[in-house]
Amino acid sequence: MGSIFFGFVVVIIAWFLVRHLIEFAKAAAMRPQIVGLALKKTSQDPDISRALFNVLETQNIIAGEANITLIPKNANLLGELVAATQAPKAAAVK
């Protein structure tokens, strides 16, 4: 009686695993198509493309090791003074 129950449990677990592996494989096969369609839509809309580019550019600036000084738009002399007083950083050795 115990071996029948054990066999039944093994069959149920195997069925569950196979069923979910097949669903996962189908979803993984559809992912490139979904991503490609989303990229196509975003590349056709200039507002989305501009926003995406701005986000990526901002991420790259934040991830970089450069010193960033924010200067107001119409502060020509202030900008020149700030740029003149900053010493260049030594190149980091990696």
PDB file of N, CA and C in Angstrom:
ATOM      1  N   MET A   1       0.827  -1.198   0.000  1.00  0.00           N
ATOM      2  CA  MET A   1       0.000   0.000   0.000  1.00  0.00           C
ATOM      3  C   MET A   1       0.867   1.255   0.000  1.00  0.00           C
ATOM      4  N   GLY A   2       1.971   1.222   0.754  1.00  0.00           N
ATOM      5  CA  GLY A   2       2.854   2.376   0.838  1.00  0.00           C
ATOM      6  C   GLY A   2       3.552   2.667  -0.474  1.00  0.00           C
ATOM      7  N   SER A   3       3.901   1.624  -1.237  1.00  0.00           N
ATOM      8  CA  SER A   3       4.584   1.837  -2.511  1.00  0.00           C
ATOM      9  C   SER A   3       3.639   2.435  -3.553  1.00  0.00           C
ATOM     10  N   ILE A   4       2.355   2.095  -3.474  1.00  0.00           N
ATOM     11  CA  ILE A   4       1.377   2.682  -4.404  1.00  0.00           C
ATOM     12  C   ILE A   4       1.233   4.170  -4.111  1.00  0.00           C
ATOM     13  N   PHE A   5       1.148   4.523  -2.839  1.00  0.00           N
ATOM     14  CA  PHE A   5       1.036   5.931  -2.454  1.00  0.00           C
ATOM     15  C   PHE A   5       2.282   6.702  -2.870  1.00  0.00           C
ATOM     16  N   PHE A   6       3.457   6.103  -2.644  1.00  0.00           N
ATOM     17  CA  PHE A   6       4.710   6.749  -3.024  1.00  0.00           C
ATOM     18  C   PHE A   6       4.774   6.959  -4.538  1.00  0.00           C
ATOM     19  N   GLY A   7       4.369   5.968  -5.307  1.00  0.00           N
ATOM     20  CA  GLY A   7       4.348   6.087  -6.766  1.00  0.00           C
ATOM     21  C   GLY A   7       3.389   7.172  -7.223  1.00  0.00           C
ATOM     22  N   PHE A   8       2.248   7.258  -6.581  1.00  0.00           N
ATOM     23  CA  PHE A   8       1.257   8.283  -6.916  1.00  0.00           C
ATOM     24  C   PHE A   8       1.827   9.679  -6.663  1.00  0.00           C
ATOM     25  N   VAL A   9       2.512   9.855  -5.528  1.00  0.00           N
ATOM     26  CA  VAL A   9       3.114  11.152  -5.191  1.00  0.00           C
ATOM     27  C   VAL A   9       4.199  11.512  -6.202  1.00  0.00           C
ATOM     28  N   VAL A  10       5.005  10.541  -6.598  1.00  0.00           N
ATOM     29  CA  VAL A  10       6.068  10.791  -7.574  1.00  0.00           C
ATOM     30  C   VAL A  10       5.474  11.211  -8.922  1.00  0.00           C
ATOM     31  N   VAL A  11       4.407  10.541  -9.349  1.00  0.00           N
ATOM     32  CA  VAL A  11       3.753  10.886 -10.621  1.00  0.00           C
ATOM     33  C   VAL A  11       3.170  12.293 -10.562  1.00  0.00           C
ATOM     34  N   ILE A  12       2.539  12.659  -9.474  1.00  0.00           N
ATOM     35  CA  ILE A  12       1.953  14.007  -9.326  1.00  0.00           C
ATOM     36  C   ILE A  12       3.056  15.066  -9.370  1.00  0.00           C
ATOM     37  N   ILE A  13       4.158  14.844  -8.681  1.00  0.00           N
ATOM     38  CA  ILE A  13       5.263  15.808  -8.679  1.00  0.00           C
ATOM     39  C   ILE A  13       5.874  15.919 -10.068  1.00  0.00           C
ATOM     40  N   ALA A  14       6.066  14.793 -10.739  1.00  0.00           N
ATOM     41  CA  ALA A  14       6.626  14.817 -12.096  1.00  0.00           C
ATOM     42  C   ALA A  14       5.705  15.563 -13.049  1.00  0.00           C
ATOM     43  N   TRP A  15       4.401  15.300 -12.953  1.00  0.00           N
ATOM     44  CA  TRP A  15       3.429  16.002 -13.819  1.00  0.00           C
ATOM     45  C   TRP A  15       3.490  17.508 -13.573  1.00  0.00           C
ATOM     46  N   PHE A  16       3.545  17.895 -12.311  1.00  0.00           N
ATOM     47  CA  PHE A  16       3.605  19.312 -11.954  1.00  0.00           C
ATOM     48  C   PHE A  16       4.857  19.969 -12.529  1.00  0.00           C
ATOM     49  N   LEU A  17       6.005  19.322 -12.374  1.00  0.00           N
ATOM     50  CA  LEU A  17       7.259  19.878 -12.885  1.00  0.00           C
ATOM     51  C   LEU A  17       7.252  19.988 -14.404  1.00  0.00           C
ATOM     52  N   VAL A  18       6.818  18.946 -15.087  1.00  0.00           N
ATOM     53  CA  VAL A  18       6.800  18.969 -16.554  1.00  0.00           C
ATOM     54  C   VAL A  18       5.854  20.046 -17.055  1.00  0.00           C
ATOM     55  N   ARG A  19       4.698  20.142 -16.451  1.00  0.00           N
ATOM     56  CA  ARG A  19       3.711  21.153 -16.877  1.00  0.00           C
ATOM     57  C   ARG A  19       4.282  22.568 -16.749  1.00  0.00           C
ATOM     58  N   HIS A  20       4.915  22.853 -15.620  1.00  0.00           N
ATOM     59  CA  HIS A  20       5.451  24.196 -15.410  1.00  0.00           C
ATOM     60  C   HIS A  20       6.707  24.453 -16.226  1.00  0.00           C
ATOM     61  N   LEU A  21       7.501  23.441 -16.489  1.00  0.00           N
ATOM     62  CA  LEU A  21       8.666  23.618 -17.360  1.00  0.00           C
ATOM     63  C   LEU A  21       8.236  23.939 -18.789  1.00  0.00           C
ATOM     64  N   ILE A  22       7.165  23.302 -19.252  1.00  0.00           N
ATOM     65  CA  ILE A  22       6.655  23.598 -20.597  1.00  0.00           C
ATOM     66  C   ILE A  22       6.143  25.031 -20.659  1.00  0.00           C
ATOM     67  N   GLU A  23       5.414  25.473 -19.643  1.00  0.00           N
ATOM     68  CA  GLU A  23       4.923  26.860 -19.616  1.00  0.00           C
ATOM     69  C   GLU A  23       6.080  27.849 -19.575  1.00  0.00           C
ATOM     70  N   PHE A  24       7.117  27.525 -18.799  1.00  0.00           N
ATOM     71  CA  PHE A  24       8.280  28.404 -18.719  1.00  0.00           C
ATOM     72  C   PHE A  24       8.991  28.482 -20.063  1.00  0.00           C
ATOM     73  N   ALA A  25       9.104  27.356 -20.748  1.00  0.00           N
ATOM     74  CA  ALA A  25       9.762  27.335 -22.057  1.00  0.00           C
ATOM     75  C   ALA A  25       8.980  28.161 -23.068  1.00  0.00           C
ATOM     76  N   LYS A  26       7.661  28.079 -23.037  1.00  0.00           N
ATOM     77  CA  LYS A  26       6.836  28.878 -23.948  1.00  0.00           C
ATOM     78  C   LYS A  26       7.013  30.370 -23.667  1.00  0.00           C
ATOM     79  N   ALA A  27       7.022  30.734 -22.388  1.00  0.00           N
ATOM     80  CA  ALA A  27       7.186  32.145 -22.027  1.00  0.00           C
ATOM     81  C   ALA A  27       8.569  32.649 -22.425  1.00  0.00           C
ATOM     82  N   ALA A  28       9.586  31.821 -22.245  1.00  0.00           N
ATOM     83  CA  ALA A  28      10.949  32.225 -22.615  1.00  0.00           C
ATOM     84  C   ALA A  28      11.076  32.387 -24.124  1.00  0.00           C
ATOM     85  N   ALA A  29      10.353  31.593 -24.887  1.00  0.00           N
ATOM     86  CA  ALA A  29      10.397  31.705 -26.340  1.00  0.00           C
ATOM     87  C   ALA A  29       9.689  32.969 -26.818  1.00  0.00           C
ATOM     88  N   MET A  30       8.689  33.428 -26.085  1.00  0.00           N
ATOM     89  CA  MET A  30       7.926  34.625 -26.484  1.00  0.00           C
ATOM     90  C   MET A  30       8.616  35.916 -26.064  1.00  0.00           C
ATOM     91  N   ARG A  31       9.530  35.856 -25.095  1.00  0.00           N
ATOM     92  CA  ARG A  31      10.143  37.064 -24.558  1.00  0.00           C
ATOM     93  C   ARG A  31      10.850  37.910 -25.616  1.00  0.00           C
ATOM     94  N   PRO A  32      11.655  37.355 -26.515  1.00  0.00           N
ATOM     95  CA  PRO A  32      12.308  38.206 -27.525  1.00  0.00           C
ATOM     96  C   PRO A  32      11.313  38.920 -28.431  1.00  0.00           C
ATOM     97  N   GLN A  33      10.218  38.251 -28.764  1.00  0.00           N
ATOM     98  CA  GLN A  33       9.203  38.889 -29.599  1.00  0.00           C
ATOM     99  C   GLN A  33       8.545  40.046 -28.862  1.00  0.00           C
ATOM    100  N   ILE A  34       8.263  39.857 -27.591  1.00  0.00           N
ATOM    101  CA  ILE A  34       7.615  40.906 -26.797  1.00  0.00           C
ATOM    102  C   ILE A  34       8.542  42.101 -26.645  1.00  0.00           C
ATOM    103  N   VAL A  35       9.811  41.837 -26.347  1.00  0.00           N
ATOM    104  CA  VAL A  35      10.783  42.923 -26.187  1.00  0.00           C
ATOM    105  C   VAL A  35      10.986  43.648 -27.519  1.00  0.00           C
ATOM    106  N   GLY A  36      11.075  42.889 -28.604  1.00  0.00           N
ATOM    107  CA  GLY A  36      11.245  43.507 -29.922  1.00  0.00           C
ATOM    108  C   GLY A  36      10.074  44.400 -30.281  1.00  0.00           C
ATOM    109  N   LEU A  37       8.867  43.952 -29.994  1.00  0.00           N
ATOM    110  CA  LEU A  37       7.679  44.764 -30.281  1.00  0.00           C
ATOM    111  C   LEU A  37       7.678  46.033 -29.434  1.00  0.00           C
ATOM    112  N   ALA A  38       8.062  45.921 -28.159  1.00  0.00           N
ATOM    113  CA  ALA A  38       8.110  47.102 -27.293  1.00  0.00           C
ATOM    114  C   ALA A  38       9.162  48.092 -27.778  1.00  0.00           C
ATOM    115  N   LEU A  39      10.330  47.598 -28.200  1.00  0.00           N
ATOM    116  CA  LEU A  39      11.369  48.495 -28.712  1.00  0.00           C
ATOM    117  C   LEU A  39      10.929  49.177 -29.998  1.00  0.00           C
ATOM    118  N   LYS A  40      10.216  48.453 -30.840  1.00  0.00           N
ATOM    119  CA  LYS A  40       9.729  49.037 -32.090  1.00  0.00           C
ATOM    120  C   LYS A  40       8.751  50.181 -31.799  1.00  0.00           C
ATOM    121  N   LYS A  41       7.859  49.955 -30.837  1.00  0.00           N
ATOM    122  CA  LYS A  41       6.883  50.994 -30.485  1.00  0.00           C
ATOM    123  C   LYS A  41       7.574  52.217 -29.879  1.00  0.00           C
ATOM    124  N   THR A  42       8.560  51.989 -29.003  1.00  0.00           N
ATOM    125  CA  THR A  42       9.219  53.125 -28.364  1.00  0.00           C
ATOM    126  C   THR A  42      10.090  53.894 -29.343  1.00  0.00           C
ATOM    127  N   SER A  43      10.671  53.209 -30.316  1.00  0.00           N
ATOM    128  CA  SER A  43      11.517  53.917 -31.277  1.00  0.00           C
ATOM    129  C   SER A  43      10.695  54.766 -32.236  1.00  0.00           C
ATOM    130  N   GLN A  44       9.421  54.452 -32.396  1.00  0.00           N
ATOM    131  CA  GLN A  44       8.561  55.235 -33.288  1.00  0.00           C
ATOM    132  C   GLN A  44       8.008  56.481 -32.610  1.00  0.00           C
ATOM    133  N   ASP A  45       7.989  56.511 -31.303  1.00  0.00           N
ATOM    134  CA  ASP A  45       7.468  57.666 -30.569  1.00  0.00           C
ATOM    135  C   ASP A  45       8.647  58.518 -30.102  1.00  0.00           C
ATOM    136  N   PRO A  46       8.793  59.726 -30.658  1.00  0.00           N
ATOM    137  CA  PRO A  46       9.957  60.543 -30.299  1.00  0.00           C
ATOM    138  C   PRO A  46       9.992  60.959 -28.824  1.00  0.00           C
ATOM    139  N   ASP A  47       8.842  61.154 -28.204  1.00  0.00           N
ATOM    140  CA  ASP A  47       8.828  61.538 -26.787  1.00  0.00           C
ATOM    141  C   ASP A  47       9.370  60.415 -25.908  1.00  0.00           C
ATOM    142  N   ILE A  48       8.957  59.191 -26.195  1.00  0.00           N
ATOM    143  CA  ILE A  48       9.432  58.049 -25.415  1.00  0.00           C
ATOM    144  C   ILE A  48      10.921  57.837 -25.658  1.00  0.00           C
ATOM    145  N   SER A  49      11.339  57.942 -26.914  1.00  0.00           N
ATOM    146  CA  SER A  49      12.762  57.765 -27.237  1.00  0.00           C
ATOM    147  C   SER A  49      13.618  58.809 -26.520  1.00  0.00           C
ATOM    148  N   ARG A  50      13.168  60.055 -26.507  1.00  0.00           N
ATOM    149  CA  ARG A  50      13.910  61.134 -25.856  1.00  0.00           C
ATOM    150  C   ARG A  50      13.993  60.898 -24.350  1.00  0.00           C
ATOM    151  N   ALA A  51      12.865  60.493 -23.748  1.00  0.00           N
ATOM    152  CA  ALA A  51      12.851  60.237 -22.310  1.00  0.00           C
ATOM    153  C   ALA A  51      13.760  59.061 -21.962  1.00  0.00           C
ATOM    154  N   LEU A  52      13.713  58.001 -22.766  1.00  0.00           N
ATOM    155  CA  LEU A  52      14.572  56.851 -22.526  1.00  0.00           C
ATOM    156  C   LEU A  52      16.042  57.224 -22.652  1.00  0.00           C
ATOM    157  N   PHE A  53      16.383  58.019 -23.666  1.00  0.00           N
ATOM    158  CA  PHE A  53      17.761  58.459 -23.839  1.00  0.00           C
ATOM    159  C   PHE A  53      18.213  59.309 -22.651  1.00  0.00           C
ATOM    160  N   ASN A  54      17.353  60.202 -22.188  1.00  0.00           N
ATOM    161  CA  ASN A  54      17.701  61.041 -21.033  1.00  0.00           C
ATOM    162  C   ASN A  54      17.939  60.207 -19.781  1.00  0.00           C
ATOM    163  N   VAL A  55      17.114  59.192 -19.561  1.00  0.00           N
ATOM    164  CA  VAL A  55      17.289  58.327 -18.392  1.00  0.00           C
ATOM    165  C   VAL A  55      18.612  57.573 -18.490  1.00  0.00           C
ATOM    166  N   LEU A  56      18.905  57.004 -19.657  1.00  0.00           N
ATOM    167  CA  LEU A  56      20.155  56.261 -19.828  1.00  0.00           C
ATOM    168  C   LEU A  56      21.372  57.173 -19.683  1.00  0.00           C
ATOM    169  N   GLU A  57      21.277  58.378 -20.223  1.00  0.00           N
ATOM    170  CA  GLU A  57      22.382  59.328 -20.105  1.00  0.00           C
ATOM    171  C   GLU A  57      22.610  59.718 -18.648  1.00  0.00           C
ATOM    172  N   THR A  58      21.522  59.948 -17.918  1.00  0.00           N
ATOM    173  CA  THR A  58      21.627  60.299 -16.503  1.00  0.00           C
ATOM    174  C   THR A  58      22.233  59.153 -15.697  1.00  0.00           C
ATOM    175  N   GLN A  59      21.832  57.926 -15.994  1.00  0.00           N
ATOM    176  CA  GLN A  59      22.404  56.776 -15.302  1.00  0.00           C
ATOM    177  C   GLN A  59      23.904  56.670 -15.555  1.00  0.00           C
ATOM    178  N   ASN A  60      24.327  56.913 -16.790  1.00  0.00           N
ATOM    179  CA  ASN A  60      25.760  56.852 -17.103  1.00  0.00           C
ATOM    180  C   ASN A  60      26.541  57.952 -16.389  1.00  0.00           C
ATOM    181  N   ILE A  61      25.954  59.131 -16.288  1.00  0.00           N
ATOM    182  CA  ILE A  61      26.630  60.233 -15.587  1.00  0.00           C
ATOM    183  C   ILE A  61      26.756  59.909 -14.104  1.00  0.00           C
ATOM    184  N   ILE A  62      25.692  59.383 -13.515  1.00  0.00           N
ATOM    185  CA  ILE A  62      25.714  59.052 -12.091  1.00  0.00           C
ATOM    186  C   ILE A  62      26.703  57.922 -11.816  1.00  0.00           C
ATOM    187  N   ALA A  63      26.766  56.945 -12.711  1.00  0.00           N
ATOM    188  CA  ALA A  63      27.667  55.805 -12.522  1.00  0.00           C
ATOM    189  C   ALA A  63      29.127  56.178 -12.750  1.00  0.00           C
ATOM    190  N   GLY A  64      29.380  57.275 -13.463  1.00  0.00           N
ATOM    191  CA  GLY A  64      30.752  57.693 -13.735  1.00  0.00           C
ATOM    192  C   GLY A  64      31.427  58.250 -12.504  1.00  0.00           C
ATOM    193  N   GLU A  65      32.726  58.480 -12.623  1.00  0.00           N
ATOM    194  CA  GLU A  65      33.499  58.971 -11.483  1.00  0.00           C
ATOM    195  C   GLU A  65      33.814  60.460 -11.605  1.00  0.00           C
ATOM    196  N   ALA A  66      33.113  61.150 -12.474  1.00  0.00           N
ATOM    197  CA  ALA A  66      33.392  62.569 -12.680  1.00  0.00           C
ATOM    198  C   ALA A  66      32.762  63.412 -11.573  1.00  0.00           C
ATOM    199  N   ASN A  67      33.404  64.542 -11.267  1.00  0.00           N
ATOM    200  CA  ASN A  67      32.817  65.516 -10.355  1.00  0.00           C
ATOM    201  C   ASN A  67      31.848  66.375 -11.144  1.00  0.00           C
ATOM    202  N   ILE A  68      30.654  66.554 -10.619  1.00  0.00           N
ATOM    203  CA  ILE A  68      29.632  67.339 -11.306  1.00  0.00           C
ATOM    204  C   ILE A  68      29.303  68.544 -10.449  1.00  0.00           C
ATOM    205  N   THR A  69      29.378  69.730 -11.054  1.00  0.00           N
ATOM    206  CA  THR A  69      29.011  70.967 -10.374  1.00  0.00           C
ATOM    207  C   THR A  69      27.861  71.594 -11.136  1.00  0.00           C
ATOM    208  N   LEU A  70      26.734  71.788 -10.474  1.00  0.00           N
ATOM    209  CA  LEU A  70      25.574  72.392 -11.116  1.00  0.00           C
ATOM    210  C   LEU A  70      25.657  73.904 -10.992  1.00  0.00           C
ATOM    211  N   ILE A  71      25.531  74.574 -12.134  1.00  0.00           N
ATOM    212  CA  ILE A  71      25.640  76.029 -12.179  1.00  0.00           C
ATOM    213  C   ILE A  71      24.369  76.563 -12.840  1.00  0.00           C
ATOM    214  N   PRO A  72      23.780  77.633 -12.297  1.00  0.00           N
ATOM    215  CA  PRO A  72      22.576  78.195 -12.924  1.00  0.00           C
ATOM    216  C   PRO A  72      22.837  78.631 -14.362  1.00  0.00           C
ATOM    217  N   LYS A  73      21.765  78.696 -15.162  1.00  0.00           N
ATOM    218  CA  LYS A  73      21.878  78.991 -16.591  1.00  0.00           C
ATOM    219  C   LYS A  73      22.600  80.305 -16.907  1.00  0.00           C
ATOM    220  N   ASN A  74      22.199  81.385 -16.317  1.00  0.00           N
ATOM    221  CA  ASN A  74      22.740  82.696 -16.678  1.00  0.00           C
ATOM    222  C   ASN A  74      23.875  83.146 -15.765  1.00  0.00           C
ATOM    223  N   ALA A  75      24.670  82.225 -15.295  1.00  0.00           N
ATOM    224  CA  ALA A  75      25.767  82.557 -14.391  1.00  0.00           C
ATOM    225  C   ALA A  75      27.091  82.356 -15.121  1.00  0.00           C
ATOM    226  N   ASN A  76      27.342  83.156 -16.143  1.00  0.00           N
ATOM    227  CA  ASN A  76      28.541  82.991 -16.967  1.00  0.00           C
ATOM    228  C   ASN A  76      29.820  83.152 -16.149  1.00  0.00           C
ATOM    229  N   LEU A  77      29.930  84.220 -15.400  1.00  0.00           N
ATOM    230  CA  LEU A  77      31.133  84.474 -14.614  1.00  0.00           C
ATOM    231  C   LEU A  77      31.302  83.431 -13.514  1.00  0.00           C
ATOM    232  N   LEU A  78      30.191  83.064 -12.870  1.00  0.00           N
ATOM    233  CA  LEU A  78      30.254  82.056 -11.816  1.00  0.00           C
ATOM    234  C   LEU A  78      30.767  80.737 -12.379  1.00  0.00           C
ATOM    235  N   GLY A  79      30.291  80.363 -13.543  1.00  0.00           N
ATOM    236  CA  GLY A  79      30.739  79.128 -14.170  1.00  0.00           C
ATOM    237  C   GLY A  79      32.213  79.133 -14.471  1.00  0.00           C
ATOM    238  N   GLU A  80      32.701  80.238 -14.963  1.00  0.00           N
ATOM    239  CA  GLU A  80      34.130  80.351 -15.262  1.00  0.00           C
ATOM    240  C   GLU A  80      34.964  80.280 -13.985  1.00  0.00           C
ATOM    241  N   LEU A  81      34.479  80.930 -12.914  1.00  0.00           N
ATOM    242  CA  LEU A  81      35.214  80.906 -11.651  1.00  0.00           C
ATOM    243  C   LEU A  81      35.257  79.500 -11.055  1.00  0.00           C
ATOM    244  N   VAL A  82      34.142  78.818 -11.097  1.00  0.00           N
ATOM    245  CA  VAL A  82      34.098  77.458 -10.554  1.00  0.00           C
ATOM    246  C   VAL A  82      35.013  76.549 -11.351  1.00  0.00           C
ATOM    247  N   ALA A  83      34.986  76.663 -12.672  1.00  0.00           N
ATOM    248  CA  ALA A  83      35.835  75.817 -13.517  1.00  0.00           C
ATOM    249  C   ALA A  83      37.313  76.116 -13.276  1.00  0.00           C
ATOM    250  N   ALA A  84      37.651  77.382 -13.019  1.00  0.00           N
ATOM    251  CA  ALA A  84      39.054  77.751 -12.829  1.00  0.00           C
ATOM    252  C   ALA A  84      39.579  77.293 -11.476  1.00  0.00           C
ATOM    253  N   THR A  85      38.724  77.177 -10.480  1.00  0.00           N
ATOM    254  CA  THR A  85      39.201  76.833  -9.144  1.00  0.00           C
ATOM    255  C   THR A  85      39.261  75.332  -8.894  1.00  0.00           C
ATOM    256  N   GLN A  86      38.698  74.532  -9.753  1.00  0.00           N
ATOM    257  CA  GLN A  86      38.709  73.092  -9.545  1.00  0.00           C
ATOM    258  C   GLN A  86      39.988  72.481 -10.090  1.00  0.00           C
ATOM    259  N   ALA A  87      40.638  71.703  -9.269  1.00  0.00           N
ATOM    260  CA  ALA A  87      41.853  71.020  -9.699  1.00  0.00           C
ATOM    261  C   ALA A  87      41.482  69.732 -10.403  1.00  0.00           C
ATOM    262  N   PRO A  88      42.197  69.365 -11.452  1.00  0.00           N
ATOM    263  CA  PRO A  88      41.873  68.111 -12.130  1.00  0.00           C
ATOM    264  C   PRO A  88      42.204  66.916 -11.234  1.00  0.00           C
ATOM    265  N   LYS A  89      41.348  65.878 -11.327  1.00  0.00           N
ATOM    266  CA  LYS A  89      41.594  64.676 -10.548  1.00  0.00           C
ATOM    267  C   LYS A  89      42.636  63.810 -11.234  1.00  0.00           C
ATOM    268  N   ALA A  90      43.406  63.123 -10.438  1.00  0.00           N
ATOM    269  CA  ALA A  90      44.375  62.181 -10.996  1.00  0.00           C
ATOM    270  C   ALA A  90      43.615  60.976 -11.516  1.00  0.00           C
ATOM    271  N   ALA A  91      44.106  60.401 -12.588  1.00  0.00           N
ATOM    272  CA  ALA A  91      43.446  59.248 -13.183  1.00  0.00           C
ATOM    273  C   ALA A  91      43.492  58.070 -12.204  1.00  0.00           C
ATOM    274  N   ALA A  92      42.355  57.414 -12.036  1.00  0.00           N
ATOM    275  CA  ALA A  92      42.281  56.272 -11.132  1.00  0.00           C
ATOM    276  C   ALA A  92      42.893  55.067 -11.810  1.00  0.00           C
ATOM    277  N   VAL A  93      43.702  54.349 -11.083  1.00  0.00           N
ATOM    278  CA  VAL A  93      44.337  53.140 -11.603  1.00  0.00           C
ATOM    279  C   VAL A  93      43.466  51.960 -11.235  1.00  0.00           C
ATOM    280  N   LYS A  94      43.082  51.206 -12.249  1.00  0.00           N
ATOM    281  CA  LYS A  94      42.195  50.047 -11.992  1.00  0.00           C
ATOM    282  C   LYS A  94      42.926  48.769 -12.241  1.00  0.00           C
TER     283      LYS A  94
END
